[in-house]
Amino acid sequence: FAIVHFMPDEADPAGLVAGYRDATVPGSYL
């Protein structure tokens, strides 16, 4: 909540989100 907009594009916010996605099992939510 209101955290990813504190990451500039060069910090790869998509990679950040994907890192947590990949660390959780199917049925998890974002």
PDB file of all heavy atoms in Angstrom:
ATOM      1  N   PHE A   1       0.832  -1.189   0.000  1.00  0.00           N
ATOM      2  CA  PHE A   1       0.000   0.000   0.000  1.00  0.00           C
ATOM      3  C   PHE A   1       0.875   1.249   0.000  1.00  0.00           C
ATOM      4  O   PHE A   1       1.626   1.494   0.942  1.00  0.00           O
ATOM      5  CB  PHE A   1      -0.927   0.002   1.210  1.00  0.00           C
ATOM      6  CG  PHE A   1      -1.913  -1.147   1.216  1.00  0.00           C
ATOM      7  CD1 PHE A   1      -1.994  -2.005   2.305  1.00  0.00           C
ATOM      8  CD2 PHE A   1      -2.735  -1.372   0.130  1.00  0.00           C
ATOM      9  CE1 PHE A   1      -2.894  -3.054   2.323  1.00  0.00           C
ATOM     10  CE2 PHE A   1      -3.641  -2.428   0.126  1.00  0.00           C
ATOM     11  CZ  PHE A   1      -3.724  -3.275   1.220  1.00  0.00           C
ATOM     12  N   ALA A   2       0.768   2.026  -1.074  1.00  0.00           N
ATOM     13  CA  ALA A   2       1.483   3.306  -1.190  1.00  0.00           C
ATOM     14  C   ALA A   2       2.974   3.150  -0.921  1.00  0.00           C
ATOM     15  O   ALA A   2       3.579   3.931  -0.196  1.00  0.00           O
ATOM     16  CB  ALA A   2       0.878   4.339  -0.244  1.00  0.00           C
ATOM     17  N   ILE A   3       3.580   2.129  -1.520  1.00  0.00           N
ATOM     18  CA  ILE A   3       5.005   1.893  -1.319  1.00  0.00           C
ATOM     19  C   ILE A   3       5.772   1.832  -2.642  1.00  0.00           C
ATOM     20  O   ILE A   3       6.882   2.368  -2.755  1.00  0.00           O
ATOM     21  CB  ILE A   3       5.250   0.597  -0.483  1.00  0.00           C
ATOM     22  CG1 ILE A   3       6.747   0.364  -0.257  1.00  0.00           C
ATOM     23  CG2 ILE A   3       4.607  -0.610  -1.131  1.00  0.00           C
ATOM     24  CD1 ILE A   3       7.418   1.409   0.571  1.00  0.00           C
ATOM     25  N   VAL A   4       5.184   1.227  -3.689  1.00  0.00           N
ATOM     26  CA  VAL A   4       5.936   1.034  -4.929  1.00  0.00           C
ATOM     27  C   VAL A   4       6.213   2.358  -5.629  1.00  0.00           C
ATOM     28  O   VAL A   4       7.209   2.487  -6.345  1.00  0.00           O
ATOM     29  CB  VAL A   4       5.212   0.043  -5.857  1.00  0.00           C
ATOM     30  CG1 VAL A   4       6.000  -0.179  -7.144  1.00  0.00           C
ATOM     31  CG2 VAL A   4       5.004  -1.301  -5.151  1.00  0.00           C
ATOM     32  N   HIS A   5       5.368   3.370  -5.415  1.00  0.00           N
ATOM     33  CA  HIS A   5       5.659   4.653  -6.063  1.00  0.00           C
ATOM     34  C   HIS A   5       6.865   5.363  -5.454  1.00  0.00           C
ATOM     35  O   HIS A   5       7.288   6.400  -5.958  1.00  0.00           O
ATOM     36  CB  HIS A   5       4.429   5.577  -6.076  1.00  0.00           C
ATOM     37  CG  HIS A   5       3.795   5.825  -4.757  1.00  0.00           C
ATOM     38  ND1 HIS A   5       2.441   5.659  -4.535  1.00  0.00           N
ATOM     39  CD2 HIS A   5       4.303   6.262  -3.576  1.00  0.00           C
ATOM     40  CE1 HIS A   5       2.148   5.980  -3.298  1.00  0.00           C
ATOM     41  NE2 HIS A   5       3.257   6.351  -2.702  1.00  0.00           N
ATOM     42  N   PHE A   6       7.445   4.795  -4.400  1.00  0.00           N
ATOM     43  CA  PHE A   6       8.702   5.318  -3.871  1.00  0.00           C
ATOM     44  C   PHE A   6       9.911   4.634  -4.506  1.00  0.00           C
ATOM     45  O   PHE A   6      11.042   4.861  -4.092  1.00  0.00           O
ATOM     46  CB  PHE A   6       8.752   5.177  -2.343  1.00  0.00           C
ATOM     47  CG  PHE A   6       7.772   6.075  -1.634  1.00  0.00           C
ATOM     48  CD1 PHE A   6       6.711   5.550  -0.930  1.00  0.00           C
ATOM     49  CD2 PHE A   6       7.904   7.453  -1.705  1.00  0.00           C
ATOM     50  CE1 PHE A   6       5.793   6.374  -0.294  1.00  0.00           C
ATOM     51  CE2 PHE A   6       6.999   8.289  -1.069  1.00  0.00           C
ATOM     52  CZ  PHE A   6       5.934   7.746  -0.364  1.00  0.00           C
ATOM     53  N   MET A   7       9.655   3.813  -5.523  1.00  0.00           N
ATOM     54  CA  MET A   7      10.734   3.171  -6.265  1.00  0.00           C
ATOM     55  C   MET A   7      10.814   3.777  -7.660  1.00  0.00           C
ATOM     56  O   MET A   7       9.839   3.711  -8.422  1.00  0.00           O
ATOM     57  CB  MET A   7      10.497   1.659  -6.380  1.00  0.00           C
ATOM     58  CG  MET A   7      10.609   0.907  -5.085  1.00  0.00           C
ATOM     59  SD  MET A   7      10.628  -0.883  -5.405  1.00  0.00           S
ATOM     60  CE  MET A   7      12.206  -1.057  -6.258  1.00  0.00           C
ATOM     61  N   PRO A   8      11.957   4.360  -8.038  1.00  0.00           N
ATOM     62  CA  PRO A   8      12.089   4.898  -9.400  1.00  0.00           C
ATOM     63  C   PRO A   8      12.143   3.769 -10.420  1.00  0.00           C
ATOM     64  O   PRO A   8      12.393   2.605 -10.077  1.00  0.00           O
ATOM     65  CB  PRO A   8      13.408   5.662  -9.340  1.00  0.00           C
ATOM     66  CG  PRO A   8      14.194   4.971  -8.272  1.00  0.00           C
ATOM     67  CD  PRO A   8      13.184   4.536  -7.250  1.00  0.00           C
ATOM     68  N   ASP A   9      11.920   4.093 -11.671  1.00  0.00           N
ATOM     69  CA  ASP A   9      11.919   3.075 -12.720  1.00  0.00           C
ATOM     70  C   ASP A   9      13.237   2.314 -12.776  1.00  0.00           C
ATOM     71  O   ASP A   9      13.254   1.098 -13.013  1.00  0.00           O
ATOM     72  CB  ASP A   9      11.634   3.720 -14.083  1.00  0.00           C
ATOM     73  CG  ASP A   9      10.213   4.258 -14.185  1.00  0.00           C
ATOM     74  OD1 ASP A   9       9.343   3.799 -13.425  1.00  0.00           O
ATOM     75  OD2 ASP A   9       9.985   5.144 -15.022  1.00  0.00           O
ATOM     76  N   GLU A  10      14.341   3.021 -12.547  1.00  0.00           N
ATOM     77  CA  GLU A  10      15.641   2.359 -12.637  1.00  0.00           C
ATOM     78  C   GLU A  10      15.874   1.345 -11.521  1.00  0.00           C
ATOM     79  O   GLU A  10      16.786   0.515 -11.603  1.00  0.00           O
ATOM     80  CB  GLU A  10      16.780   3.390 -12.653  1.00  0.00           C
ATOM     81  CG  GLU A  10      16.779   4.360 -11.496  1.00  0.00           C
ATOM     82  CD  GLU A  10      16.026   5.641 -11.800  1.00  0.00           C
ATOM     83  OE1 GLU A  10      15.101   5.614 -12.651  1.00  0.00           O
ATOM     84  OE2 GLU A  10      16.339   6.671 -11.185  1.00  0.00           O
ATOM     85  N   ALA A  11      15.048   1.402 -10.473  1.00  0.00           N
ATOM     86  CA  ALA A  11      15.164   0.424  -9.387  1.00  0.00           C
ATOM     87  C   ALA A  11      14.374  -0.848  -9.675  1.00  0.00           C
ATOM     88  O   ALA A  11      14.360  -1.762  -8.850  1.00  0.00           O
ATOM     89  CB  ALA A  11      14.701   1.045  -8.072  1.00  0.00           C
ATOM     90  N   ASP A  12      13.711  -0.907 -10.835  1.00  0.00           N
ATOM     91  CA  ASP A  12      12.995  -2.092 -11.293  1.00  0.00           C
ATOM     92  C   ASP A  12      11.862  -2.493 -10.343  1.00  0.00           C
ATOM     93  O   ASP A  12      11.892  -3.568  -9.732  1.00  0.00           O
ATOM     94  CB  ASP A  12      13.961  -3.270 -11.462  1.00  0.00           C
ATOM     95  CG  ASP A  12      13.296  -4.472 -12.128  1.00  0.00           C
ATOM     96  OD1 ASP A  12      12.241  -4.301 -12.779  1.00  0.00           O
ATOM     97  OD2 ASP A  12      13.835  -5.591 -11.987  1.00  0.00           O
ATOM     98  N   PRO A  13      10.832  -1.647 -10.233  1.00  0.00           N
ATOM     99  CA  PRO A  13       9.705  -2.005  -9.363  1.00  0.00           C
ATOM    100  C   PRO A  13       8.993  -3.272  -9.805  1.00  0.00           C
ATOM    101  O   PRO A  13       8.503  -4.033  -8.961  1.00  0.00           O
ATOM    102  CB  PRO A  13       8.789  -0.778  -9.442  1.00  0.00           C
ATOM    103  CG  PRO A  13       9.186  -0.074 -10.690  1.00  0.00           C
ATOM    104  CD  PRO A  13      10.649  -0.321 -10.857  1.00  0.00           C
ATOM    105  N   ALA A  14       8.953  -3.524 -11.127  1.00  0.00           N
ATOM    106  CA  ALA A  14       8.313  -4.747 -11.595  1.00  0.00           C
ATOM    107  C   ALA A  14       9.063  -5.979 -11.088  1.00  0.00           C
ATOM    108  O   ALA A  14       8.453  -6.994 -10.723  1.00  0.00           O
ATOM    109  CB  ALA A  14       8.251  -4.762 -13.125  1.00  0.00           C
ATOM    110  N   GLY A  15      10.381  -5.885 -11.061  1.00  0.00           N
ATOM    111  CA  GLY A  15      11.179  -6.985 -10.534  1.00  0.00           C
ATOM    112  C   GLY A  15      10.939  -7.201  -9.051  1.00  0.00           C
ATOM    113  O   GLY A  15      10.927  -8.344  -8.568  1.00  0.00           O
ATOM    114  N   LEU A  16      10.752  -6.107  -8.315  1.00  0.00           N
ATOM    115  CA  LEU A  16      10.443  -6.199  -6.885  1.00  0.00           C
ATOM    116  C   LEU A  16       9.145  -6.966  -6.675  1.00  0.00           C
ATOM    117  O   LEU A  16       9.085  -7.924  -5.885  1.00  0.00           O
ATOM    118  CB  LEU A  16      10.323  -4.800  -6.285  1.00  0.00           C
ATOM    119  CG  LEU A  16       9.669  -4.717  -4.905  1.00  0.00           C
ATOM    120  CD1 LEU A  16      10.627  -5.207  -3.839  1.00  0.00           C
ATOM    121  CD2 LEU A  16       9.194  -3.309  -4.594  1.00  0.00           C
ATOM    122  N   VAL A  17       8.098  -6.535  -7.375  1.00  0.00           N
ATOM    123  CA  VAL A  17       6.796  -7.190  -7.214  1.00  0.00           C
ATOM    124  C   VAL A  17       6.894  -8.658  -7.615  1.00  0.00           C
ATOM    125  O   VAL A  17       6.363  -9.543  -6.932  1.00  0.00           O
ATOM    126  CB  VAL A  17       5.723  -6.468  -8.050  1.00  0.00           C
ATOM    127  CG1 VAL A  17       4.385  -7.191  -7.937  1.00  0.00           C
ATOM    128  CG2 VAL A  17       5.571  -5.012  -7.588  1.00  0.00           C
ATOM    129  N   ALA A  18       7.602  -8.927  -8.707  1.00  0.00           N
ATOM    130  CA  ALA A  18       7.753 -10.308  -9.170  1.00  0.00           C
ATOM    131  C   ALA A  18       8.507 -11.162  -8.160  1.00  0.00           C
ATOM    132  O   ALA A  18       8.231 -12.361  -8.013  1.00  0.00           O
ATOM    133  CB  ALA A  18       8.474 -10.334 -10.513  1.00  0.00           C
ATOM    134  N   GLY A  19       9.447 -10.543  -7.437  1.00  0.00           N
ATOM    135  CA  GLY A  19      10.194 -11.293  -6.434  1.00  0.00           C
ATOM    136  C   GLY A  19       9.302 -11.839  -5.339  1.00  0.00           C
ATOM    137  O   GLY A  19       9.453 -12.998  -4.906  1.00  0.00           O
ATOM    138  N   TYR A  20       8.361 -11.026  -4.896  1.00  0.00           N
ATOM    139  CA  TYR A  20       7.419 -11.495  -3.874  1.00  0.00           C
ATOM    140  C   TYR A  20       6.392 -12.449  -4.474  1.00  0.00           C
ATOM    141  O   TYR A  20       5.976 -13.416  -3.818  1.00  0.00           O
ATOM    142  CB  TYR A  20       6.743 -10.303  -3.198  1.00  0.00           C
ATOM    143  CG  TYR A  20       7.687  -9.547  -2.292  1.00  0.00           C
ATOM    144  CD1 TYR A  20       8.251  -8.351  -2.693  1.00  0.00           C
ATOM    145  CD2 TYR A  20       8.017 -10.050  -1.033  1.00  0.00           C
ATOM    146  CE1 TYR A  20       9.135  -7.667  -1.872  1.00  0.00           C
ATOM    147  CE2 TYR A  20       8.896  -9.374  -0.212  1.00  0.00           C
ATOM    148  CZ  TYR A  20       9.456  -8.184  -0.624  1.00  0.00           C
ATOM    149  OH  TYR A  20      10.344  -7.509   0.185  1.00  0.00           O
ATOM    150  N   ARG A  21       5.987 -12.187  -5.700  1.00  0.00           N
ATOM    151  CA  ARG A  21       5.053 -13.113  -6.369  1.00  0.00           C
ATOM    152  C   ARG A  21       5.665 -14.503  -6.447  1.00  0.00           C
ATOM    153  O   ARG A  21       5.003 -15.505  -6.135  1.00  0.00           O
ATOM    154  CB  ARG A  21       4.753 -12.591  -7.778  1.00  0.00           C
ATOM    155  CG  ARG A  21       3.805 -13.473  -8.592  1.00  0.00           C
ATOM    156  CD  ARG A  21       3.932 -13.148 -10.074  1.00  0.00           C
ATOM    157  NE  ARG A  21       5.260 -13.495 -10.585  1.00  0.00           N
ATOM    158  CZ  ARG A  21       5.850 -12.908 -11.614  1.00  0.00           C
ATOM    159  NH1 ARG A  21       5.251 -11.919 -12.259  1.00  0.00           N
ATOM    160  NH2 ARG A  21       7.059 -13.294 -12.000  1.00  0.00           N
ATOM    161  N   ASP A  22       6.916 -14.575  -6.866  1.00  0.00           N
ATOM    162  CA  ASP A  22       7.556 -15.876  -7.051  1.00  0.00           C
ATOM    163  C   ASP A  22       7.861 -16.578  -5.726  1.00  0.00           C
ATOM    164  O   ASP A  22       8.078 -17.789  -5.704  1.00  0.00           O
ATOM    165  CB  ASP A  22       8.849 -15.711  -7.852  1.00  0.00           C
ATOM    166  CG  ASP A  22       8.588 -15.244  -9.277  1.00  0.00           C
ATOM    167  OD1 ASP A  22       7.426 -15.323  -9.733  1.00  0.00           O
ATOM    168  OD2 ASP A  22       9.549 -14.777  -9.933  1.00  0.00           O
ATOM    169  N   ALA A  23       7.874 -15.823  -4.631  1.00  0.00           N
ATOM    170  CA  ALA A  23       8.156 -16.413  -3.318  1.00  0.00           C
ATOM    171  C   ALA A  23       6.903 -16.961  -2.650  1.00  0.00           C
ATOM    172  O   ALA A  23       6.998 -17.589  -1.591  1.00  0.00           O
ATOM    173  CB  ALA A  23       8.805 -15.370  -2.406  1.00  0.00           C
ATOM    174  N   THR A  24       5.750 -16.733  -3.279  1.00  0.00           N
ATOM    175  CA  THR A  24       4.497 -17.202  -2.697  1.00  0.00           C
ATOM    176  C   THR A  24       3.857 -18.255  -3.588  1.00  0.00           C
ATOM    177  O   THR A  24       4.126 -18.334  -4.783  1.00  0.00           O
ATOM    178  CB  THR A  24       3.511 -16.036  -2.493  1.00  0.00           C
ATOM    179  OG1 THR A  24       3.284 -15.374  -3.752  1.00  0.00           O
ATOM    180  CG2 THR A  24       4.067 -15.032  -1.497  1.00  0.00           C
ATOM    181  N   VAL A  25       3.007 -19.061  -2.988  1.00  0.00           N
ATOM    182  CA  VAL A  25       2.394 -20.185  -3.712  1.00  0.00           C
ATOM    183  C   VAL A  25       1.128 -19.728  -4.444  1.00  0.00           C
ATOM    184  O   VAL A  25       0.563 -18.674  -4.136  1.00  0.00           O
ATOM    185  CB  VAL A  25       2.049 -21.326  -2.726  1.00  0.00           C
ATOM    186  CG1 VAL A  25       3.294 -21.836  -2.033  1.00  0.00           C
ATOM    187  CG2 VAL A  25       0.996 -20.869  -1.707  1.00  0.00           C
ATOM    188  N   PRO A  26       0.680 -20.525  -5.422  1.00  0.00           N
ATOM    189  CA  PRO A  26      -0.608 -20.226  -6.065  1.00  0.00           C
ATOM    190  C   PRO A  26      -1.717 -20.113  -5.016  1.00  0.00           C
ATOM    191  O   PRO A  26      -1.725 -20.832  -4.017  1.00  0.00           O
ATOM    192  CB  PRO A  26      -0.822 -21.432  -6.987  1.00  0.00           C
ATOM    193  CG  PRO A  26       0.573 -21.881  -7.317  1.00  0.00           C
ATOM    194  CD  PRO A  26       1.354 -21.675  -6.062  1.00  0.00           C
ATOM    195  N   GLY A  27      -2.637 -19.200  -5.271  1.00  0.00           N
ATOM    196  CA  GLY A  27      -3.688 -18.929  -4.293  1.00  0.00           C
ATOM    197  C   GLY A  27      -3.348 -17.754  -3.401  1.00  0.00           C
ATOM    198  O   GLY A  27      -4.192 -17.296  -2.630  1.00  0.00           O
ATOM    199  N   SER A  28      -2.096 -17.259  -3.516  1.00  0.00           N
ATOM    200  CA  SER A  28      -1.704 -16.057  -2.788  1.00  0.00           C
ATOM    201  C   SER A  28      -2.250 -14.835  -3.523  1.00  0.00           C
ATOM    202  O   SER A  28      -2.642 -14.909  -4.689  1.00  0.00           O
ATOM    203  CB  SER A  28      -0.176 -15.965  -2.679  1.00  0.00           C
ATOM    204  OG  SER A  28       0.340 -17.018  -1.889  1.00  0.00           O
ATOM    205  N   TYR A  29      -2.252 -13.716  -2.834  1.00  0.00           N
ATOM    206  CA  TYR A  29      -2.797 -12.486  -3.407  1.00  0.00           C
ATOM    207  C   TYR A  29      -1.805 -11.332  -3.273  1.00  0.00           C
ATOM    208  O   TYR A  29      -0.961 -11.323  -2.362  1.00  0.00           O
ATOM    209  CB  TYR A  29      -4.085 -12.083  -2.689  1.00  0.00           C
ATOM    210  CG  TYR A  29      -5.290 -12.929  -3.000  1.00  0.00           C
ATOM    211  CD1 TYR A  29      -5.506 -14.133  -2.325  1.00  0.00           C
ATOM    212  CD2 TYR A  29      -6.237 -12.516  -3.945  1.00  0.00           C
ATOM    213  CE1 TYR A  29      -6.628 -14.905  -2.588  1.00  0.00           C
ATOM    214  CE2 TYR A  29      -7.361 -13.289  -4.215  1.00  0.00           C
ATOM    215  CZ  TYR A  29      -7.555 -14.476  -3.535  1.00  0.00           C
ATOM    216  OH  TYR A  29      -8.672 -15.233  -3.806  1.00  0.00           O
ATOM    217  N   LEU A  30      -1.953 -10.376  -4.167  1.00  0.00           N
ATOM    218  CA  LEU A  30      -1.262  -9.097  -4.064  1.00  0.00           C
ATOM    219  C   LEU A  30      -2.315  -7.994  -4.003  1.00  0.00           C
ATOM    220  O   LEU A  30      -3.193  -7.924  -4.871  1.00  0.00           O
ATOM    221  CB  LEU A  30      -0.354  -8.856  -5.275  1.00  0.00           C
ATOM    222  CG  LEU A  30       0.199  -7.428  -5.430  1.00  0.00           C
ATOM    223  CD1 LEU A  30       1.161  -7.088  -4.292  1.00  0.00           C
ATOM    224  CD2 LEU A  30       0.885  -7.251  -6.787  1.00  0.00           C
TER     225      LEU A  30
END
